[in-house]
Structures are given as C-alpha cells and as structure tokens.
All heavy atoms as atom14 arrays in JSON, in Angstrom:
{
  "sequence": "DLAPARFVPVLRDEAGIVIGDSLAMAETLAERH",
  "atom14_mask": [
    [1, 1, 1, 1, 1, 1, 1, 1, 0, 0, 0, 0, 0, 0],
    [1, 1, 1, 1, 1, 1, 1, 1, 0, 0, 0, 0, 0, 0],
    [1, 1, 1, 1, 1, 0, 0, 0, 0, 0, 0, 0, 0, 0],
    [1, 1, 1, 1, 1, 1, 1, 0, 0, 0, 0, 0, 0, 0],
    [1, 1, 1, 1, 1, 0, 0, 0, 0, 0, 0, 0, 0, 0],
    [1, 1, 1, 1, 1, 1, 1, 1, 1, 1, 1, 0, 0, 0],
    [1, 1, 1, 1, 1, 1, 1, 1, 1, 1, 1, 0, 0, 0],
    [1, 1, 1, 1, 1, 1, 1, 0, 0, 0, 0, 0, 0, 0],
    [1, 1, 1, 1, 1, 1, 1, 0, 0, 0, 0, 0, 0, 0],
    [1, 1, 1, 1, 1, 1, 1, 0, 0, 0, 0, 0, 0, 0],
    [1, 1, 1, 1, 1, 1, 1, 1, 0, 0, 0, 0, 0, 0],
    [1, 1, 1, 1, 1, 1, 1, 1, 1, 1, 1, 0, 0, 0],
    [1, 1, 1, 1, 1, 1, 1, 1, 0, 0, 0, 0, 0, 0],
    [1, 1, 1, 1, 1, 1, 1, 1, 1, 0, 0, 0, 0, 0],
    [1, 1, 1, 1, 1, 0, 0, 0, 0, 0, 0, 0, 0, 0],
    [1, 1, 1, 1, 0, 0, 0, 0, 0, 0, 0, 0, 0, 0],
    [1, 1, 1, 1, 1, 1, 1, 1, 0, 0, 0, 0, 0, 0],
    [1, 1, 1, 1, 1, 1, 1, 0, 0, 0, 0, 0, 0, 0],
    [1, 1, 1, 1, 1, 1, 1, 1, 0, 0, 0, 0, 0, 0],
    [1, 1, 1, 1, 0, 0, 0, 0, 0, 0, 0, 0, 0, 0],
    [1, 1, 1, 1, 1, 1, 1, 1, 0, 0, 0, 0, 0, 0],
    [1, 1, 1, 1, 1, 1, 0, 0, 0, 0, 0, 0, 0, 0],
    [1, 1, 1, 1, 1, 1, 1, 1, 0, 0, 0, 0, 0, 0],
    [1, 1, 1, 1, 1, 0, 0, 0, 0, 0, 0, 0, 0, 0],
    [1, 1, 1, 1, 1, 1, 1, 1, 0, 0, 0, 0, 0, 0],
    [1, 1, 1, 1, 1, 0, 0, 0, 0, 0, 0, 0, 0, 0],
    [1, 1, 1, 1, 1, 1, 1, 1, 1, 0, 0, 0, 0, 0],
    [1, 1, 1, 1, 1, 1, 1, 0, 0, 0, 0, 0, 0, 0],
    [1, 1, 1, 1, 1, 1, 1, 1, 0, 0, 0, 0, 0, 0],
    [1, 1, 1, 1, 1, 0, 0, 0, 0, 0, 0, 0, 0, 0],
    [1, 1, 1, 1, 1, 1, 1, 1, 1, 0, 0, 0, 0, 0],
    [1, 1, 1, 1, 1, 1, 1, 1, 1, 1, 1, 0, 0, 0],
    [1, 1, 1, 1, 1, 1, 1, 1, 1, 1, 0, 0, 0, 0]
  ],
  "atom14_positions": [
    [[-18.13, 65.08, -64.47], [-17.6, 66.44, -64.58], [-16.89, 66.91, -63.31], [-16.49, 68.07, -63.23], [-18.73, 67.42, -64.91], [-19.32, 67.2, -66.29], [-18.6, 66.67, -67.16], [-20.5, 67.54, -66.49], [0.0, 0.0, 0.0], [0.0, 0.0, 0.0], [0.0, 0.0, 0.0], [0.0, 0.0, 0.0], [0.0, 0.0, 0.0], [0.0, 0.0, 0.0]],
    [[-16.76, 66.0, -62.34], [-16.2, 66.38, -61.04], [-14.92, 65.61, -60.73], [-14.59, 65.37, -59.57], [-17.23, 66.12, -59.93], [-18.57, 66.84, -60.11], [-19.59, 66.29, -59.12], [-18.4, 68.34, -59.93], [0.0, 0.0, 0.0], [0.0, 0.0, 0.0], [0.0, 0.0, 0.0], [0.0, 0.0, 0.0], [0.0, 0.0, 0.0], [0.0, 0.0, 0.0]],
    [[-14.19, 65.22, -61.75], [-12.96, 64.44, -61.56], [-12.01, 65.16, -60.61], [-11.9, 66.39, -60.62], [-12.3, 64.22, -62.92], [0.0, 0.0, 0.0], [0.0, 0.0, 0.0], [0.0, 0.0, 0.0], [0.0, 0.0, 0.0], [0.0, 0.0, 0.0], [0.0, 0.0, 0.0], [0.0, 0.0, 0.0], [0.0, 0.0, 0.0], [0.0, 0.0, 0.0]],
    [[-11.34, 64.37, -59.73], [-11.29, 62.9, -59.71], [-12.3, 62.26, -58.76], [-12.05, 61.17, -58.25], [-9.86, 62.65, -59.21], [-9.62, 63.78, -58.24], [-10.34, 64.97, -58.83], [0.0, 0.0, 0.0], [0.0, 0.0, 0.0], [0.0, 0.0, 0.0], [0.0, 0.0, 0.0], [0.0, 0.0, 0.0], [0.0, 0.0, 0.0], [0.0, 0.0, 0.0]],
    [[-13.43, 62.92, -58.49], [-14.41, 62.38, -57.54], [-14.96, 61.05, -58.02], [-15.27, 60.88, -59.2], [-15.56, 63.37, -57.37], [0.0, 0.0, 0.0], [0.0, 0.0, 0.0], [0.0, 0.0, 0.0], [0.0, 0.0, 0.0], [0.0, 0.0, 0.0], [0.0, 0.0, 0.0], [0.0, 0.0, 0.0], [0.0, 0.0, 0.0], [0.0, 0.0, 0.0]],
    [[-15.07, 60.1, -57.08], [-15.66, 58.79, -57.37], [-16.85, 58.48, -56.48], [-17.64, 57.59, -56.78], [-14.61, 57.69, -57.19], [-13.44, 57.75, -58.15], [-12.57, 56.5, -57.97], [-12.02, 56.43, -56.61], [-11.56, 55.31, -56.05], [-11.61, 54.17, -56.74], [-11.06, 55.33, -54.83], [0.0, 0.0, 0.0], [0.0, 0.0, 0.0], [0.0, 0.0, 0.0]],
    [[-16.93, 59.17, -55.35], [-17.96, 58.88, -54.35], [-18.65, 60.17, -53.94], [-18.15, 61.28, -54.16], [-17.35, 58.2, -53.12], [-16.51, 56.99, -53.44], [-15.14, 57.02, -53.25], [-17.1, 55.83, -53.94], [-14.36, 55.91, -53.54], [-16.33, 54.72, -54.24], [-14.95, 54.77, -54.04], [0.0, 0.0, 0.0], [0.0, 0.0, 0.0], [0.0, 0.0, 0.0]],
    [[-19.8, 60.02, -53.29], [-20.5, 61.17, -52.71], [-20.17, 61.23, -51.21], [-19.86, 60.21, -50.61], [-22.02, 61.04, -52.92], [-22.36, 61.29, -54.38], [-22.55, 59.67, -52.49], [0.0, 0.0, 0.0], [0.0, 0.0, 0.0], [0.0, 0.0, 0.0], [0.0, 0.0, 0.0], [0.0, 0.0, 0.0], [0.0, 0.0, 0.0], [0.0, 0.0, 0.0]],
    [[-20.24, 62.43, -50.63], [-20.62, 63.7, -51.23], [-19.45, 64.37, -51.95], [-18.29, 64.06, -51.68], [-21.05, 64.53, -50.02], [-20.14, 64.05, -48.92], [-20.0, 62.56, -49.17], [0.0, 0.0, 0.0], [0.0, 0.0, 0.0], [0.0, 0.0, 0.0], [0.0, 0.0, 0.0], [0.0, 0.0, 0.0], [0.0, 0.0, 0.0], [0.0, 0.0, 0.0]],
    [[-19.79, 65.3, -52.82], [-18.81, 66.13, -53.5], [-19.31, 67.57, -53.45], [-20.51, 67.82, -53.62], [-18.6, 65.7, -54.97], [-17.5, 66.54, -55.62], [-18.27, 64.22, -55.07], [0.0, 0.0, 0.0], [0.0, 0.0, 0.0], [0.0, 0.0, 0.0], [0.0, 0.0, 0.0], [0.0, 0.0, 0.0], [0.0, 0.0, 0.0], [0.0, 0.0, 0.0]],
    [[-18.38, 68.48, -53.24], [-18.71, 69.9, -53.14], [-18.02, 70.65, -54.29], [-16.87, 70.37, -54.62], [-18.22, 70.45, -51.8], [-18.81, 71.76, -51.29], [-20.3, 71.62, -51.03], [-18.08, 72.18, -50.0], [0.0, 0.0, 0.0], [0.0, 0.0, 0.0], [0.0, 0.0, 0.0], [0.0, 0.0, 0.0], [0.0, 0.0, 0.0], [0.0, 0.0, 0.0]],
    [[-18.74, 71.6, -54.88], [-18.15, 72.46, -55.9], [-18.51, 73.9, -55.58], [-19.68, 74.21, -55.3], [-18.66, 72.09, -57.29], [-18.0, 72.89, -58.44], [-18.48, 72.39, -59.78], [-19.92, 72.59, -59.94], [-20.69, 71.91, -60.82], [-20.15, 71.02, -61.61], [-21.98, 72.15, -60.89], [0.0, 0.0, 0.0], [0.0, 0.0, 0.0], [0.0, 0.0, 0.0]],
    [[-17.5, 74.79, -55.6], [-17.78, 76.18, -55.29], [-18.05, 76.97, -56.56], [-18.01, 76.43, -57.67], [-16.67, 76.79, -54.44], [-15.35, 76.96, -55.21], [-15.33, 76.8, -56.45], [-14.34, 77.26, -54.55], [0.0, 0.0, 0.0], [0.0, 0.0, 0.0], [0.0, 0.0, 0.0], [0.0, 0.0, 0.0], [0.0, 0.0, 0.0], [0.0, 0.0, 0.0]],
    [[-18.31, 78.25, -56.4], [-18.69, 79.09, -57.54], [-17.55, 79.28, -58.53], [-17.78, 79.62, -59.7], [-19.21, 80.43, -57.04], [-20.57, 80.33, -56.35], [-21.07, 81.67, -55.85], [-20.27, 82.63, -55.79], [-22.26, 81.75, -55.5], [0.0, 0.0, 0.0], [0.0, 0.0, 0.0], [0.0, 0.0, 0.0], [0.0, 0.0, 0.0], [0.0, 0.0, 0.0]],
    [[-16.32, 79.07, -58.07], [-15.16, 79.17, -58.96], [-14.89, 77.87, -59.7], [-13.96, 77.8, -60.51], [-13.92, 79.58, -58.16], [0.0, 0.0, 0.0], [0.0, 0.0, 0.0], [0.0, 0.0, 0.0], [0.0, 0.0, 0.0], [0.0, 0.0, 0.0], [0.0, 0.0, 0.0], [0.0, 0.0, 0.0], [0.0, 0.0, 0.0], [0.0, 0.0, 0.0]],
    [[-15.69, 76.85, -59.42], [-15.51, 75.56, -60.08], [-14.55, 74.64, -59.36], [-14.25, 73.55, -59.87], [0.0, 0.0, 0.0], [0.0, 0.0, 0.0], [0.0, 0.0, 0.0], [0.0, 0.0, 0.0], [0.0, 0.0, 0.0], [0.0, 0.0, 0.0], [0.0, 0.0, 0.0], [0.0, 0.0, 0.0], [0.0, 0.0, 0.0], [0.0, 0.0, 0.0]],
    [[-14.06, 75.03, -58.18], [-13.17, 74.17, -57.4], [-13.98, 73.02, -56.81], [-15.02, 73.23, -56.18], [-12.47, 74.95, -56.29], [-11.58, 76.04, -56.9], [-11.65, 74.02, -55.4], [-10.98, 76.98, -55.88], [0.0, 0.0, 0.0], [0.0, 0.0, 0.0], [0.0, 0.0, 0.0], [0.0, 0.0, 0.0], [0.0, 0.0, 0.0], [0.0, 0.0, 0.0]],
    [[-13.49, 71.81, -57.03], [-14.18, 70.6, -56.56], [-13.47, 70.06, -55.32], [-12.24, 69.92, -55.31], [-14.22, 69.53, -57.67], [-14.85, 68.24, -57.14], [-14.99, 70.05, -58.88], [0.0, 0.0, 0.0], [0.0, 0.0, 0.0], [0.0, 0.0, 0.0], [0.0, 0.0, 0.0], [0.0, 0.0, 0.0], [0.0, 0.0, 0.0], [0.0, 0.0, 0.0]],
    [[-14.25, 69.78, -54.28], [-13.71, 69.2, -53.05], [-14.44, 67.89, -52.79], [-15.65, 67.88, -52.58], [-13.88, 70.14, -51.84], [-13.31, 71.53, -52.14], [-13.22, 69.53, -50.61], [-14.35, 72.57, -52.36], [0.0, 0.0, 0.0], [0.0, 0.0, 0.0], [0.0, 0.0, 0.0], [0.0, 0.0, 0.0], [0.0, 0.0, 0.0], [0.0, 0.0, 0.0]],
    [[-13.71, 66.79, -52.84], [-14.28, 65.49, -52.52], [-13.84, 65.06, -51.14], [-12.91, 65.63, -50.55], [0.0, 0.0, 0.0], [0.0, 0.0, 0.0], [0.0, 0.0, 0.0], [0.0, 0.0, 0.0], [0.0, 0.0, 0.0], [0.0, 0.0, 0.0], [0.0, 0.0, 0.0], [0.0, 0.0, 0.0], [0.0, 0.0, 0.0], [0.0, 0.0, 0.0]],
    [[-14.5, 64.05, -50.6], [-14.23, 63.49, -49.27], [-14.73, 64.44, -48.18], [-14.36, 65.61, -48.13], [-12.75, 63.19, -49.06], [-12.52, 62.38, -47.8], [-12.52, 62.96, -46.7], [-12.37, 61.16, -47.91], [0.0, 0.0, 0.0], [0.0, 0.0, 0.0], [0.0, 0.0, 0.0], [0.0, 0.0, 0.0], [0.0, 0.0, 0.0], [0.0, 0.0, 0.0]],
    [[-15.54, 63.91, -47.29], [-16.21, 64.73, -46.29], [-15.24, 65.44, -45.35], [-15.51, 66.56, -44.91], [-17.21, 63.89, -45.5], [-16.54, 62.82, -44.88], [0.0, 0.0, 0.0], [0.0, 0.0, 0.0], [0.0, 0.0, 0.0], [0.0, 0.0, 0.0], [0.0, 0.0, 0.0], [0.0, 0.0, 0.0], [0.0, 0.0, 0.0], [0.0, 0.0, 0.0]],
    [[-14.12, 64.8, -45.02], [-13.18, 65.44, -44.12], [-12.52, 66.64, -44.8], [-12.35, 67.7, -44.18], [-12.12, 64.43, -43.66], [-11.18, 64.91, -42.55], [-11.96, 65.4, -41.34], [-10.23, 63.78, -42.15], [0.0, 0.0, 0.0], [0.0, 0.0, 0.0], [0.0, 0.0, 0.0], [0.0, 0.0, 0.0], [0.0, 0.0, 0.0], [0.0, 0.0, 0.0]],
    [[-12.16, 66.5, -46.07], [-11.6, 67.64, -46.81], [-12.64, 68.74, -46.94], [-12.31, 69.94, -46.84], [-11.14, 67.18, -48.19], [0.0, 0.0, 0.0], [0.0, 0.0, 0.0], [0.0, 0.0, 0.0], [0.0, 0.0, 0.0], [0.0, 0.0, 0.0], [0.0, 0.0, 0.0], [0.0, 0.0, 0.0], [0.0, 0.0, 0.0], [0.0, 0.0, 0.0]],
    [[-13.89, 68.37, -47.17], [-14.96, 69.36, -47.23], [-15.09, 70.11, -45.92], [-15.21, 71.34, -45.9], [-16.28, 68.67, -47.59], [-16.35, 68.16, -49.01], [-17.77, 67.04, -49.3], [-19.13, 68.03, -48.69], [0.0, 0.0, 0.0], [0.0, 0.0, 0.0], [0.0, 0.0, 0.0], [0.0, 0.0, 0.0], [0.0, 0.0, 0.0], [0.0, 0.0, 0.0]],
    [[-15.06, 69.37, -44.81], [-15.22, 69.99, -43.49], [-14.11, 70.99, -43.21], [-14.37, 72.12, -42.77], [-15.24, 68.91, -42.41], [0.0, 0.0, 0.0], [0.0, 0.0, 0.0], [0.0, 0.0, 0.0], [0.0, 0.0, 0.0], [0.0, 0.0, 0.0], [0.0, 0.0, 0.0], [0.0, 0.0, 0.0], [0.0, 0.0, 0.0], [0.0, 0.0, 0.0]],
    [[-12.88, 70.6, -43.47], [-11.76, 71.5, -43.19], [-11.77, 72.71, -44.12], [-11.45, 73.83, -43.71], [-10.44, 70.74, -43.3], [-10.21, 69.74, -42.18], [-9.95, 70.38, -40.82], [-10.09, 71.63, -40.67], [-9.6, 69.65, -39.89], [0.0, 0.0, 0.0], [0.0, 0.0, 0.0], [0.0, 0.0, 0.0], [0.0, 0.0, 0.0], [0.0, 0.0, 0.0]],
    [[-12.15, 72.5, -45.38], [-12.22, 73.62, -46.31], [-13.28, 74.62, -45.88], [-13.05, 75.84, -45.89], [-12.53, 73.1, -47.74], [-11.48, 72.21, -48.15], [-12.62, 74.26, -48.72], [0.0, 0.0, 0.0], [0.0, 0.0, 0.0], [0.0, 0.0, 0.0], [0.0, 0.0, 0.0], [0.0, 0.0, 0.0], [0.0, 0.0, 0.0], [0.0, 0.0, 0.0]],
    [[-14.45, 74.13, -45.49], [-15.53, 75.03, -45.07], [-15.17, 75.76, -43.78], [-15.46, 76.95, -43.62], [-16.82, 74.25, -44.9], [-17.43, 73.67, -46.19], [-18.61, 72.76, -45.86], [-17.87, 74.79, -47.13], [0.0, 0.0, 0.0], [0.0, 0.0, 0.0], [0.0, 0.0, 0.0], [0.0, 0.0, 0.0], [0.0, 0.0, 0.0], [0.0, 0.0, 0.0]],
    [[-14.53, 75.05, -42.84], [-14.12, 75.69, -41.59], [-13.09, 76.79, -41.85], [-13.11, 77.84, -41.2], [-13.57, 74.64, -40.63], [0.0, 0.0, 0.0], [0.0, 0.0, 0.0], [0.0, 0.0, 0.0], [0.0, 0.0, 0.0], [0.0, 0.0, 0.0], [0.0, 0.0, 0.0], [0.0, 0.0, 0.0], [0.0, 0.0, 0.0], [0.0, 0.0, 0.0]],
    [[-12.21, 76.55, -42.78], [-11.19, 77.53, -43.15], [-11.8, 78.75, -43.83], [-11.42, 79.89, -43.56], [-10.18, 76.86, -44.07], [-9.06, 77.75, -44.58], [-8.14, 77.0, -45.52], [-8.6, 76.65, -46.64], [-6.99, 76.74, -45.15], [0.0, 0.0, 0.0], [0.0, 0.0, 0.0], [0.0, 0.0, 0.0], [0.0, 0.0, 0.0], [0.0, 0.0, 0.0]],
    [[-12.76, 78.51, -44.72], [-13.37, 79.6, -45.47], [-14.38, 80.4, -44.66], [-14.63, 81.58, -44.94], [-14.06, 79.05, -46.72], [-13.12, 78.51, -47.78], [-13.92, 78.05, -48.99], [-13.06, 77.62, -50.08], [-13.52, 77.26, -51.28], [-14.82, 77.3, -51.52], [-12.68, 76.88, -52.22], [0.0, 0.0, 0.0], [0.0, 0.0, 0.0], [0.0, 0.0, 0.0]],
    [[-15.01, 79.76, -43.69], [-16.11, 80.4, -42.94], [-15.85, 80.31, -41.43], [-16.62, 79.67, -40.69], [-17.43, 79.73, -43.29], [-17.72, 79.69, -44.76], [-18.21, 80.78, -45.45], [-17.58, 78.7, -45.68], [-18.37, 80.47, -46.72], [-17.98, 79.22, -46.89], [0.0, 0.0, 0.0], [0.0, 0.0, 0.0], [0.0, 0.0, 0.0], [0.0, 0.0, 0.0]]
  ]
}
C-alpha cells in the first residue's frame, strides 16, 4: 500500500503522502520541522 516503496524505512504522513529512502525522509522532516 506504500508504492513505489520497496525497502524500509518508509514514512507516511497524515495526508497519506509516502516518503521512502532515509535521506528523502531526513530532508522532508527537516523542511517541515
């Protein structure tokens, strides 16, 4: 249900946006918070 994710970790926010890859997760979280 998290396409196109193939590996862990995967992040999903309350809006249903899926972020895969730890580096993308890190930059997204730094941008949001």
